[in-house]
């Protein structure tokens, strides 16, 4: 093909993109496969459980077993992933999660659902911090936001595709067991993809753990030559920005609060959104359309959002992302027509597409050498706390007024934004973007 033609230029861009991200694409593909199964499962879980004798009171316990298991184990498995091989831990977690989901098609007593949901949460708690820690360590300076933008897009792609496959399969086969089997098989497929295609990282950025670096350690003096070895971003003075020696620093604290705010909003919507839309005159189809809108916008914008975060720094996008969430929460009850929810959801998705990569960029800056998965485990636990707190509070408030959770949720997000600025605002504002560099091929163990 002659050089300079549109096709050759397009092929050149594709080749360059694959060369840049080839080291992390297998893990991103595994995320897409995994979330395709989860996406198929989420809409039918309550229906399946109630069909097998779970009453409304117990349904909340069954649903909560999954985040409850993650809450108490994700930080522990994150710490383990920093001290052991990550790939086997990811594979084991996926196998446990897949087996427990598939077992729910066989063991259908309510107590079995609680136990299996908890076991599934345990498996994902093994997998998630190891996977996010891997991506954090595979991303060179200047590319963290972009990596996690692709990560968000892969997840949302699976969530969008999953329900379509699950719905079609359920209609053809009959019975919700199809979706459970599909979720189990896709999780096993993701485990195989990780085992076969994801190389174990080694080297000081990925595996070297400082002596005595624990969650209870107060930060000591920062050592500049440590930052040089890590390839940390440069400051305006031309010196390498030093890496923290402890997880107890303002970057980690700020990222935890931001994640708490983001997942508080997510828990609120998960609990009440369908009821709110239908109560205001929208049908089930509109509920699905709003979810599809959020997913599609996130898929399209997240990679670009991550790239912009890398170039501009995370601070403005933390502020804007949380403010967009707070403002749209207040406006939803005032919308005169339910169809207006679609553009409002799209605007909120744009904010989320920037907020996610910005949060991961902050936590990457605050992570000591060798502690990436530990930091990701703590971050994940904070998100779980936000989800559980929102679900519990929203259920109580919605019993009296379906609009009230949105007003309270907006106030909570604004409060947590203020707390973020008070705790880590100056440190995050001072973060300077590094010059993007090409993603190196991972060194295999």
Protein backbone atom coordinates (compact mmCIF):
# COMPACT_ATOMS: atom_id res chain seq x y z
CA UNK A 1 0.00 0.00 0.00
CA UNK A 2 1.50 3.37 -1.01
CA UNK A 3 2.66 5.45 1.94
CA UNK A 4 0.77 8.61 2.75
CA UNK A 5 -2.68 7.32 1.78
CA UNK A 6 -5.49 7.65 4.36
CA UNK A 7 -5.58 3.87 4.86
CA UNK A 8 -1.84 3.61 5.41
CA UNK A 9 -1.90 6.51 7.86
CA UNK A 10 -4.78 4.88 9.74
CA UNK A 11 -2.93 1.56 9.86
CA UNK A 12 0.16 3.37 11.10
CA UNK A 13 -1.80 4.96 13.94
CA UNK A 14 -3.30 1.59 14.88
CA UNK A 15 0.12 -0.05 14.82
CA UNK A 16 1.61 2.70 16.98
CA UNK A 17 -1.30 2.45 19.44
CA UNK A 18 -0.91 -1.32 19.73
CA UNK A 19 2.84 -0.97 20.23
CA UNK A 20 2.31 1.62 22.98
CA UNK A 21 -0.34 -0.30 24.92
CA UNK A 22 0.54 -3.90 24.05
CA UNK A 23 1.82 -4.55 27.57
CA UNK A 24 -1.54 -3.79 29.22
CA UNK A 25 -4.01 -4.77 26.50
CA UNK A 26 -4.35 -8.40 27.70
CA UNK A 27 -5.44 -7.21 31.14
CA UNK A 28 -7.82 -4.64 29.64
CA UNK A 29 -9.28 -7.38 27.43
CA UNK A 30 -9.75 -9.55 30.52
CA UNK A 31 -11.59 -6.67 32.20
CA UNK A 32 -13.93 -6.40 29.21
CA UNK A 33 -14.63 -10.14 29.24
CA UNK A 34 -15.18 -10.16 33.00
CA UNK A 35 -17.56 -7.20 33.00
CA UNK A 36 -19.53 -8.63 30.09
CA UNK A 37 -20.52 -11.47 32.40
CA UNK A 38 -21.18 -9.13 35.32
CA UNK A 39 -23.22 -6.85 33.07
CA UNK A 40 -25.42 -9.77 32.04
CA UNK A 41 -25.87 -10.79 35.67
CA UNK A 42 -26.68 -7.47 37.36
CA UNK A 43 -30.17 -6.80 35.93
CA UNK A 44 -31.54 -10.29 36.70
CA UNK A 45 -30.02 -11.04 40.10
CA UNK A 46 -32.91 -9.72 42.21
CA UNK A 47 -35.43 -11.51 39.97
CA UNK A 48 -33.55 -14.79 40.22
CA UNK A 49 -33.19 -14.60 43.98
CA UNK A 50 -36.85 -13.75 44.62
CA UNK A 51 -37.90 -16.51 42.20
CA UNK A 52 -36.14 -18.96 44.52
CA UNK A 53 -37.80 -17.88 47.74
CA UNK A 54 -35.75 -14.87 48.88
CA UNK A 55 -38.15 -12.32 50.34
CA UNK A 56 -37.64 -8.56 50.11
CA UNK A 57 -36.18 -8.31 53.62
CA UNK A 58 -33.57 -11.00 52.95
CA UNK A 59 -32.84 -9.71 49.44
CA UNK A 60 -30.90 -6.79 50.87
CA UNK A 61 -28.75 -9.21 52.88
CA UNK A 62 -28.05 -11.33 49.81
CA UNK A 63 -27.11 -8.32 47.69
CA UNK A 64 -24.99 -6.80 50.48
CA UNK A 65 -22.96 -9.99 51.02
CA UNK A 66 -20.80 -9.20 47.98
CA UNK A 67 -19.65 -5.67 48.96
CA UNK A 68 -19.40 -6.69 52.62
CA UNK A 69 -16.89 -9.42 51.74
CA UNK A 70 -14.86 -6.95 49.66
CA UNK A 71 -14.89 -4.30 52.36
CA UNK A 72 -12.96 -6.37 54.86
CA UNK A 73 -10.67 -8.32 52.53
CA UNK A 74 -9.70 -6.04 49.62
CA UNK A 75 -7.01 -4.12 51.58
CA UNK A 76 -5.58 -7.43 52.83
CA UNK A 77 -5.39 -8.97 49.36
CA UNK A 78 -3.94 -5.72 48.04
CA UNK A 79 -1.11 -5.98 50.56
CA UNK A 80 -0.60 -9.64 49.61
CA UNK A 81 -0.40 -8.73 45.91
CA UNK A 82 2.53 -6.41 46.67
CA UNK A 83 4.43 -9.25 48.33
CA UNK A 84 3.58 -12.19 46.07
CA UNK A 85 3.17 -12.85 42.37
CA UNK A 86 0.20 -10.87 41.10
CA UNK A 87 -0.82 -12.98 38.12
CA UNK A 88 -1.55 -16.18 40.11
CA UNK A 89 -3.53 -14.13 42.64
CA UNK A 90 -5.59 -12.55 39.86
CA UNK A 91 -6.25 -15.94 38.29
CA UNK A 92 -7.23 -17.51 41.62
CA UNK A 93 -9.57 -14.63 42.40
CA UNK A 94 -11.30 -14.94 39.03
CA UNK A 95 -11.69 -18.70 39.41
CA UNK A 96 -13.22 -18.29 42.89
CA UNK A 97 -15.58 -15.57 41.65
CA UNK A 98 -16.63 -17.57 38.59
CA UNK A 99 -17.17 -20.80 40.51
CA UNK A 100 -19.29 -19.09 43.17
CA UNK A 101 -21.50 -17.40 40.57
CA UNK A 102 -21.98 -20.63 38.65
CA UNK A 103 -22.77 -22.51 41.86
CA UNK A 104 -25.80 -20.27 42.40
CA UNK A 105 -27.47 -22.10 39.52
CA UNK A 106 -27.16 -25.32 41.52
CA UNK A 107 -27.50 -24.30 45.17
CA UNK A 108 -30.66 -22.21 45.40
CA UNK A 109 -31.42 -21.98 49.13
CA UNK A 110 -31.40 -18.40 50.49
CA UNK A 111 -28.55 -19.17 52.90
CA UNK A 112 -26.54 -20.58 49.99
CA UNK A 113 -27.08 -17.35 48.05
CA UNK A 114 -25.68 -15.32 50.95
CA UNK A 115 -22.62 -17.59 51.25
CA UNK A 116 -21.96 -17.71 47.50
CA UNK A 117 -22.38 -13.97 47.07
CA UNK A 118 -19.87 -13.46 49.87
CA UNK A 119 -17.48 -15.94 48.22
CA UNK A 120 -17.84 -14.09 44.92
CA UNK A 121 -16.97 -10.83 46.69
CA UNK A 122 -13.93 -12.55 48.18
CA UNK A 123 -12.78 -13.62 44.71
CA UNK A 124 -13.11 -10.14 43.25
CA UNK A 125 -11.30 -8.74 46.30
CA UNK A 126 -8.37 -10.99 45.36
CA UNK A 127 -8.45 -9.86 41.74
CA UNK A 128 -9.21 -6.14 41.70
CA UNK A 129 -6.37 -4.57 43.72
CA UNK A 130 -3.83 -6.85 42.05
CA UNK A 131 -5.15 -5.86 38.60
CA UNK A 132 -5.24 -2.13 39.32
CA UNK A 133 -1.82 -2.29 40.96
CA UNK A 134 -0.49 -4.02 37.85
CA UNK A 135 -1.89 -1.27 35.62
CA UNK A 136 -0.47 1.40 37.93
CA UNK A 137 3.00 -0.14 37.70
CA UNK A 138 2.78 -0.79 33.95
CA UNK A 139 1.94 2.87 33.28
CA UNK A 140 5.08 5.02 32.87
CA UNK A 141 5.21 8.62 34.09
CA UNK A 142 2.72 10.73 32.20
CA UNK A 143 0.42 7.86 31.18
CA UNK A 144 -1.41 6.82 34.38
CA UNK A 145 -4.60 8.72 33.60
CA UNK A 146 -4.75 7.36 30.07
CA UNK A 147 -4.25 3.77 31.25
CA UNK A 148 -7.10 4.05 33.72
CA UNK A 149 -9.25 5.83 31.15
CA UNK A 150 -8.89 2.73 28.97
CA UNK A 151 -9.61 0.60 32.05
CA UNK A 152 -12.89 2.45 32.69
CA UNK A 153 -13.83 2.13 29.02
CA UNK A 154 -13.19 -1.64 29.04
CA UNK A 155 -15.43 -2.09 32.07
CA UNK A 156 -18.24 0.02 30.65
CA UNK A 157 -18.02 -1.82 27.33
CA UNK A 158 -18.64 -5.10 29.13
CA UNK A 159 -21.50 -3.65 31.17
CA UNK A 160 -23.19 -2.43 27.97
CA UNK A 161 -22.72 -5.66 26.02
CA UNK A 162 -23.53 -8.05 28.86
CA UNK A 163 -27.24 -7.28 29.36
CA UNK A 164 -27.91 -7.63 25.62
CA UNK A 165 -26.29 -11.08 25.51
CA UNK A 166 -27.91 -12.12 28.77
CA UNK A 167 -31.36 -10.96 27.70
CA UNK A 168 -31.15 -12.70 24.33
CA UNK A 169 -29.84 -15.91 25.86
CA UNK A 170 -32.49 -15.93 28.57
CA UNK A 171 -35.22 -15.47 25.96
CA UNK A 172 -33.89 -18.32 23.82
CA UNK A 173 -33.06 -20.78 26.60
CA UNK A 174 -35.68 -19.81 29.16
CA UNK A 175 -34.79 -19.24 32.79
CA UNK A 176 -32.26 -17.00 34.52
CA UNK A 177 -29.80 -19.86 34.99
CA UNK A 178 -28.40 -19.05 31.55
CA UNK A 179 -27.12 -15.70 32.83
CA UNK A 180 -25.43 -17.31 35.84
CA UNK A 181 -23.68 -19.83 33.60
CA UNK A 182 -22.70 -17.05 31.17
CA UNK A 183 -21.23 -14.95 34.00
CA UNK A 184 -19.29 -17.96 35.29
CA UNK A 185 -17.92 -18.84 31.84
CA UNK A 186 -16.86 -15.28 31.03
CA UNK A 187 -15.09 -15.04 34.39
CA UNK A 188 -13.25 -18.29 33.69
CA UNK A 189 -12.37 -16.95 30.22
CA UNK A 190 -10.93 -13.82 31.82
CA UNK A 191 -8.88 -16.03 34.17
CA UNK A 192 -7.46 -17.91 31.19
CA UNK A 193 -6.65 -14.65 29.40
CA UNK A 194 -4.78 -13.34 32.45
CA UNK A 195 -2.91 -16.63 32.99
CA UNK A 196 -1.83 -16.98 29.37
CA UNK A 197 -1.32 -13.41 28.17
CA UNK A 198 -0.46 -11.20 31.18
CA UNK A 199 3.26 -11.36 32.07
CA UNK A 200 4.35 -10.99 35.67
CA UNK A 201 5.99 -7.62 36.28
CA UNK A 202 9.25 -7.43 38.11
CA UNK A 203 11.63 -4.66 39.08
CA UNK A 204 11.61 -1.98 41.79
CA UNK A 205 8.47 -0.20 40.64
CA UNK A 206 6.37 -3.33 40.70
CA UNK A 207 7.69 -5.57 43.43
CA UNK A 208 10.18 -3.93 45.74
CA UNK A 209 8.64 -3.35 49.19
CA UNK A 210 10.32 -0.90 51.57
CA UNK A 211 11.07 -2.25 55.00
CA UNK A 212 8.47 -1.36 57.57
CA UNK A 213 6.10 0.22 55.05
CA UNK A 214 2.74 -0.39 56.67
CA UNK A 215 -0.61 1.31 56.81
CA UNK A 216 0.16 2.64 60.27
CA UNK A 217 3.50 4.19 59.37
CA UNK A 218 3.77 7.97 59.43
CA UNK A 219 5.68 9.42 56.48
CA UNK A 220 9.27 10.26 57.13
CA UNK A 221 11.68 12.35 55.10
CA UNK A 222 11.32 11.82 51.38
CA UNK A 223 14.42 10.60 49.63
CA UNK A 224 15.07 12.27 46.25
CA UNK A 225 17.21 9.47 44.83
CA UNK A 226 14.35 7.04 45.41
CA UNK A 227 12.20 9.15 43.09
CA UNK A 228 15.01 9.08 40.51
CA UNK A 229 14.95 5.29 40.54
CA UNK A 230 11.17 5.32 40.15
CA UNK A 231 11.21 7.71 37.24
CA UNK A 232 8.97 10.14 39.09
CA UNK A 233 7.73 13.27 37.34
CA UNK A 234 9.89 16.34 37.41
CA UNK A 235 9.11 19.48 39.34
CA UNK A 236 9.40 22.97 37.95
CA UNK A 237 12.88 23.19 39.41
CA UNK A 238 14.03 20.25 37.34
CA UNK A 239 14.33 17.91 40.31
CA UNK A 240 12.49 14.59 40.53
CA UNK A 241 9.37 14.73 42.67
CA UNK A 242 10.12 12.44 45.63
CA UNK A 243 7.97 9.40 46.23
CA UNK A 244 6.26 9.01 49.61
CA UNK A 245 7.68 6.37 51.93
CA UNK A 246 4.32 5.59 53.54
CA UNK A 247 0.71 5.20 52.51
CA UNK A 248 -0.23 7.80 55.11
CA UNK A 249 0.11 10.92 52.98
CA UNK A 250 -2.15 13.63 51.61
CA UNK A 251 -2.36 12.16 48.09
CA UNK A 252 -3.74 8.84 49.34
CA UNK A 253 -6.09 10.61 51.77
CA UNK A 254 -7.44 12.86 49.00
CA UNK A 255 -7.96 9.92 46.62
CA UNK A 256 -9.80 7.95 49.32
CA UNK A 257 -12.21 10.82 49.99
CA UNK A 258 -12.82 11.37 46.27
CA UNK A 259 -13.54 7.67 45.75
CA UNK A 260 -15.85 7.70 48.75
CA UNK A 261 -17.79 10.58 47.17
CA UNK A 262 -17.93 8.99 43.71
CA UNK A 263 -19.15 5.63 44.93
CA UNK A 264 -21.62 7.25 47.31
CA UNK A 265 -23.23 8.71 44.20
CA UNK A 266 -23.04 5.35 42.45
CA UNK A 267 -24.70 3.56 45.38
CA UNK A 268 -27.46 6.16 45.42
CA UNK A 269 -28.24 5.70 41.74
CA UNK A 270 -28.05 1.91 41.94
CA UNK A 271 -30.60 1.92 44.74
CA UNK A 272 -33.18 4.47 43.56
CA UNK A 273 -32.70 5.47 39.92
CA UNK A 274 -35.12 2.99 38.33
CA UNK A 275 -37.81 3.82 40.89
CA UNK A 276 -37.22 7.56 40.48
CA UNK A 277 -37.47 7.49 36.66
CA UNK A 278 -40.61 5.37 36.57
CA UNK A 279 -42.25 7.38 39.36
CA UNK A 280 -41.75 10.55 37.31
CA UNK A 281 -43.43 9.15 34.20
CA UNK A 282 -40.53 7.42 32.47
CA UNK A 283 -40.81 3.78 31.49
CA UNK A 284 -38.43 0.89 31.96
CA UNK A 285 -37.13 1.58 28.46
CA UNK A 286 -36.06 5.06 29.52
CA UNK A 287 -34.26 3.58 32.53
CA UNK A 288 -32.30 1.31 30.21
CA UNK A 289 -31.61 4.18 27.82
CA UNK A 290 -30.15 6.33 30.59
CA UNK A 291 -27.83 3.51 31.65
CA UNK A 292 -26.80 2.95 28.03
CA UNK A 293 -26.16 6.68 27.62
CA UNK A 294 -23.94 6.76 30.68
CA UNK A 295 -22.00 3.73 29.47
CA UNK A 296 -21.53 4.91 25.89
CA UNK A 297 -20.38 8.38 26.90
CA UNK A 298 -17.95 6.88 29.42
CA UNK A 299 -16.52 4.50 26.81
CA UNK A 300 -15.95 7.31 24.31
CA UNK A 301 -14.70 10.01 26.69
CA UNK A 302 -12.68 8.07 29.29
CA UNK A 303 -9.54 7.41 27.18
CA UNK A 304 -9.49 11.04 26.02
CA UNK A 305 -10.24 12.20 29.56
CA UNK A 306 -7.32 10.20 30.90
CA UNK A 307 -5.01 11.72 28.30
CA UNK A 308 -6.11 15.25 29.20
CA UNK A 309 -5.67 14.52 32.92
CA UNK A 310 -2.11 13.40 32.18
CA UNK A 311 -1.40 16.65 30.34
CA UNK A 312 -3.17 19.10 32.66
CA UNK A 313 -2.87 17.47 36.05
CA UNK A 314 -5.73 15.94 38.08
CA UNK A 315 -6.79 18.82 40.33
CA UNK A 316 -9.30 20.68 38.10
CA UNK A 317 -10.94 17.44 37.02
CA UNK A 318 -11.45 16.27 40.61
CA UNK A 319 -13.22 19.54 41.39
CA UNK A 320 -15.24 19.66 38.16
CA UNK A 321 -16.15 15.95 38.26
CA UNK A 322 -17.57 16.11 41.78
CA UNK A 323 -19.32 19.43 41.16
CA UNK A 324 -20.99 18.04 38.03
CA UNK A 325 -22.25 15.11 40.08
CA UNK A 326 -23.54 17.39 42.85
CA UNK A 327 -25.30 19.78 40.47
CA UNK A 328 -27.01 17.09 38.37
CA UNK A 329 -28.25 15.38 41.54
CA UNK A 330 -30.03 18.60 42.53
CA UNK A 331 -31.44 19.15 39.04
CA UNK A 332 -32.90 15.68 38.41
CA UNK A 333 -35.98 16.24 40.63
CA UNK A 334 -36.64 19.58 38.91
CA UNK A 335 -36.55 18.29 35.33
CA UNK A 336 -39.99 19.02 33.76
CA UNK A 337 -39.75 16.08 31.33
CA UNK A 338 -38.18 12.64 32.01
CA UNK A 339 -36.58 12.74 28.55
CA UNK A 340 -34.28 15.48 29.88
CA UNK A 341 -32.65 12.84 32.03
CA UNK A 342 -30.80 11.58 28.94
CA UNK A 343 -28.67 14.72 28.28
CA UNK A 344 -28.24 15.23 32.04
CA UNK A 345 -26.92 11.69 32.41
CA UNK A 346 -24.58 12.30 29.46
CA UNK A 347 -23.17 15.40 31.15
CA UNK A 348 -22.68 13.47 34.40
CA UNK A 349 -20.93 10.68 32.47
CA UNK A 350 -18.45 13.19 31.03
CA UNK A 351 -17.63 14.33 34.56
CA UNK A 352 -17.18 10.71 35.65
CA UNK A 353 -14.95 9.97 32.63
CA UNK A 354 -12.51 12.62 33.90
CA UNK A 355 -12.98 11.96 37.62
CA UNK A 356 -11.92 8.31 37.46
CA UNK A 357 -8.55 8.80 35.73
CA UNK A 358 -7.85 11.86 37.90
CA UNK A 359 -8.44 9.83 41.08
CA UNK A 360 -6.13 7.03 39.94
CA UNK A 361 -3.48 9.57 38.98
CA UNK A 362 -3.54 11.04 42.49
CA UNK A 363 -3.27 7.68 44.19
CA UNK A 364 -0.41 6.70 41.86
CA UNK A 365 1.46 9.85 42.93
CA UNK A 366 0.95 8.99 46.61
CA UNK A 367 1.87 5.32 46.39
CA UNK A 368 5.25 4.30 47.83
CA UNK A 369 7.45 1.95 45.85
CA UNK A 370 6.14 -1.58 45.97
CA UNK A 371 2.76 -0.67 47.49
CA UNK A 372 0.58 -0.19 44.40
CA UNK A 373 -1.87 -3.02 45.07
CA UNK A 374 -2.07 -2.16 48.77
CA UNK A 375 -3.05 1.40 47.88
CA UNK A 376 -5.59 0.15 45.35
CA UNK A 377 -7.09 -2.19 47.95
CA UNK A 378 -7.56 0.69 50.39
CA UNK A 379 -9.06 2.82 47.60
CA UNK A 380 -11.46 0.03 46.68
CA UNK A 381 -12.54 -0.42 50.30
CA UNK A 382 -13.34 3.30 50.50
CA UNK A 383 -15.54 2.98 47.43
CA UNK A 384 -17.31 0.00 49.00
CA UNK A 385 -17.99 2.02 52.15
CA UNK A 386 -19.50 4.78 50.01
CA UNK A 387 -21.71 2.32 48.12
CA UNK A 388 -23.02 0.61 51.27
CA UNK A 389 -23.62 3.89 53.11
CA UNK A 390 -25.49 5.34 50.14
CA UNK A 391 -27.64 2.24 49.67
CA UNK A 392 -28.66 2.15 53.35
CA UNK A 393 -29.32 5.90 53.62
CA UNK A 394 -31.13 6.08 50.29
CA UNK A 395 -33.49 3.28 51.18
CA UNK A 396 -34.51 5.05 54.40
CA UNK A 397 -34.99 8.45 52.75
CA UNK A 398 -36.81 7.11 49.68
CA UNK A 399 -39.46 5.56 51.90
CA UNK A 400 -40.75 9.07 52.59
CA UNK A 401 -39.71 11.02 49.48
CA UNK A 402 -38.01 9.87 46.27
CA UNK A 403 -36.49 13.32 45.69
CA UNK A 404 -34.84 13.58 49.11
CA UNK A 405 -31.91 11.21 48.40
CA UNK A 406 -30.78 13.40 45.50
CA UNK A 407 -30.66 16.55 47.63
CA UNK A 408 -28.88 14.80 50.50
CA UNK A 409 -26.55 13.03 48.07
CA UNK A 410 -25.59 16.35 46.48
CA UNK A 411 -24.83 17.82 49.90
CA UNK A 412 -22.70 14.80 50.82
CA UNK A 413 -20.68 15.07 47.58
CA UNK A 414 -20.07 18.80 48.14
CA UNK A 415 -19.06 18.12 51.74
CA UNK A 416 -16.61 15.43 50.68
CA UNK A 417 -15.21 17.73 47.97
CA UNK A 418 -14.57 20.36 50.63
CA UNK A 419 -12.89 17.74 52.81
CA UNK A 420 -10.74 16.66 49.85
CA UNK A 421 -9.57 20.23 49.31
CA UNK A 422 -8.86 20.69 53.02
CA UNK A 423 -6.91 17.45 53.36
CA UNK A 424 -4.98 17.26 50.11
CA UNK A 425 -5.97 20.19 47.92
CA UNK A 426 -2.64 22.00 48.06
CA UNK A 427 -0.67 18.83 47.37
CA UNK A 428 -2.92 17.78 44.47
CA UNK A 429 -2.95 21.30 43.02
CA UNK A 430 0.86 21.30 43.03
CA UNK A 431 1.06 18.07 41.02
CA UNK A 432 2.75 18.79 37.72
CA UNK A 433 2.12 16.57 34.72
CA UNK A 434 5.07 14.60 33.45
CA UNK A 435 6.02 14.45 29.81
CA UNK A 436 4.28 11.39 28.34
CA UNK A 437 6.60 8.56 27.34
CA UNK A 438 6.01 5.43 25.34
CA UNK A 439 4.79 2.44 27.31
CA UNK A 440 7.63 -0.07 27.62
CA UNK A 441 7.13 -3.76 27.16
CA UNK A 442 6.81 -5.41 30.61
CA UNK A 443 9.85 -7.34 31.76
CA UNK A 444 8.90 -10.92 32.32
CA UNK A 445 9.94 -12.77 35.43
